[in-house]
Amino acid sequence: MTMIWDLDPAGRVKRGRAALMAAQYREMTEQEYADRLRVLIRIVSAATLGLCSFAVGLLIGAFFLF
């Protein structure tokens, strides 16, 4: 199991006390949120387009083969 240890100012590791995870929390700005949302929308729309294309291909194939 890996733990995150505190570092003192000299860079030495203090054993026996894990670093607080709250210290690594950073507030997301509106621009970062908008960028991440835009990327998510692109991924979802590309996946949806791919699935729709696959379904149309199956329909066309079913009409031509049967």
C-alpha atoms as a PDB file:
ATOM      1  CA  MET A   1       0.000   0.000   0.000  1.00  0.00           C
ATOM      2  CA  THR A   2       1.404   3.374  -0.982  1.00  0.00           C
ATOM      3  CA  MET A   3       0.965   6.371   1.273  1.00  0.00           C
ATOM      4  CA  ILE A   4       1.635  10.047   0.731  1.00  0.00           C
ATOM      5  CA  TRP A   5       4.054  11.332   3.332  1.00  0.00           C
ATOM      6  CA  ASP A   6       4.628  14.897   4.528  1.00  0.00           C
ATOM      7  CA  LEU A   7       7.822  16.623   3.474  1.00  0.00           C
ATOM      8  CA  ASP A   8       9.572  19.083   5.722  1.00  0.00           C
ATOM      9  CA  PRO A   9      11.076  22.274   4.203  1.00  0.00           C
ATOM     10  CA  ALA A  10      14.446  20.532   3.752  1.00  0.00           C
ATOM     11  CA  GLY A  11      12.772  17.905   1.570  1.00  0.00           C
ATOM     12  CA  ARG A  12      13.152  15.053   4.028  1.00  0.00           C
ATOM     13  CA  VAL A  13      10.238  12.687   4.500  1.00  0.00           C
ATOM     14  CA  LYS A  14       8.513  12.682   7.887  1.00  0.00           C
ATOM     15  CA  ARG A  15       7.552   9.139   8.683  1.00  0.00           C
ATOM     16  CA  GLY A  16       4.397   8.252  10.548  1.00  0.00           C
ATOM     17  CA  ARG A  17       2.070  10.953   9.273  1.00  0.00           C
ATOM     18  CA  ALA A  18       0.273  10.975   5.937  1.00  0.00           C
ATOM     19  CA  ALA A  19      -0.133  14.243   4.069  1.00  0.00           C
ATOM     20  CA  LEU A  20      -3.596  15.729   4.127  1.00  0.00           C
ATOM     21  CA  MET A  21      -5.452  15.140   0.903  1.00  0.00           C
ATOM     22  CA  ALA A  22      -7.288  18.431   1.349  1.00  0.00           C
ATOM     23  CA  ALA A  23      -3.982  20.185   0.775  1.00  0.00           C
ATOM     24  CA  GLN A  24      -3.975  18.860  -2.798  1.00  0.00           C
ATOM     25  CA  TYR A  25      -7.546  20.016  -3.549  1.00  0.00           C
ATOM     26  CA  ARG A  26      -7.695  22.872  -6.024  1.00  0.00           C
ATOM     27  CA  GLU A  27     -10.751  24.849  -7.055  1.00  0.00           C
ATOM     28  CA  MET A  28     -11.592  24.539 -10.750  1.00  0.00           C
ATOM     29  CA  THR A  29     -12.008  27.809 -12.617  1.00  0.00           C
ATOM     30  CA  GLU A  30     -14.953  28.481 -14.912  1.00  0.00           C
ATOM     31  CA  GLN A  31     -12.678  28.280 -17.965  1.00  0.00           C
ATOM     32  CA  GLU A  32     -11.350  24.847 -16.928  1.00  0.00           C
ATOM     33  CA  TYR A  33     -14.905  23.661 -16.292  1.00  0.00           C
ATOM     34  CA  ALA A  34     -16.050  24.899 -19.695  1.00  0.00           C
ATOM     35  CA  ASP A  35     -13.087  23.219 -21.408  1.00  0.00           C
ATOM     36  CA  ARG A  36     -13.705  19.885 -19.684  1.00  0.00           C
ATOM     37  CA  LEU A  37     -17.415  20.070 -20.448  1.00  0.00           C
ATOM     38  CA  ARG A  38     -16.673  20.809 -24.114  1.00  0.00           C
ATOM     39  CA  VAL A  39     -14.360  17.780 -24.319  1.00  0.00           C
ATOM     40  CA  LEU A  40     -16.989  15.564 -22.658  1.00  0.00           C
ATOM     41  CA  ILE A  41     -19.653  16.744 -25.113  1.00  0.00           C
ATOM     42  CA  ARG A  42     -17.331  16.003 -28.042  1.00  0.00           C
ATOM     43  CA  ILE A  43     -16.668  12.473 -26.768  1.00  0.00           C
ATOM     44  CA  VAL A  44     -20.365  11.771 -26.182  1.00  0.00           C
ATOM     45  CA  SER A  45     -21.395  13.142 -29.565  1.00  0.00           C
ATOM     46  CA  ALA A  46     -18.685  11.156 -31.374  1.00  0.00           C
ATOM     47  CA  ALA A  47     -19.764   7.968 -29.600  1.00  0.00           C
ATOM     48  CA  THR A  48     -23.418   8.662 -30.397  1.00  0.00           C
ATOM     49  CA  LEU A  49     -22.608   9.316 -34.047  1.00  0.00           C
ATOM     50  CA  GLY A  50     -20.640   6.072 -34.201  1.00  0.00           C
ATOM     51  CA  LEU A  51     -23.479   4.068 -32.690  1.00  0.00           C
ATOM     52  CA  CYS A  52     -26.026   5.642 -35.027  1.00  0.00           C
ATOM     53  CA  SER A  53     -23.823   4.902 -38.028  1.00  0.00           C
ATOM     54  CA  PHE A  54     -23.463   1.306 -36.910  1.00  0.00           C
ATOM     55  CA  ALA A  55     -27.248   0.951 -36.501  1.00  0.00           C
ATOM     56  CA  VAL A  56     -27.892   2.456 -39.950  1.00  0.00           C
ATOM     57  CA  GLY A  57     -25.334   0.097 -41.439  1.00  0.00           C
ATOM     58  CA  LEU A  58     -27.115  -2.853 -39.867  1.00  0.00           C
ATOM     59  CA  LEU A  59     -30.459  -1.696 -41.229  1.00  0.00           C
ATOM     60  CA  ILE A  60     -29.098  -1.180 -44.732  1.00  0.00           C
ATOM     61  CA  GLY A  61     -27.328  -4.526 -44.594  1.00  0.00           C
ATOM     62  CA  ALA A  62     -30.482  -6.276 -43.433  1.00  0.00           C
ATOM     63  CA  PHE A  63     -32.484  -4.895 -46.375  1.00  0.00           C
ATOM     64  CA  PHE A  64     -29.871  -5.805 -48.960  1.00  0.00           C
ATOM     65  CA  LEU A  65     -29.119  -9.269 -47.604  1.00  0.00           C
ATOM     66  CA  PHE A  66     -32.658 -10.439 -46.892  1.00  0.00           C
END
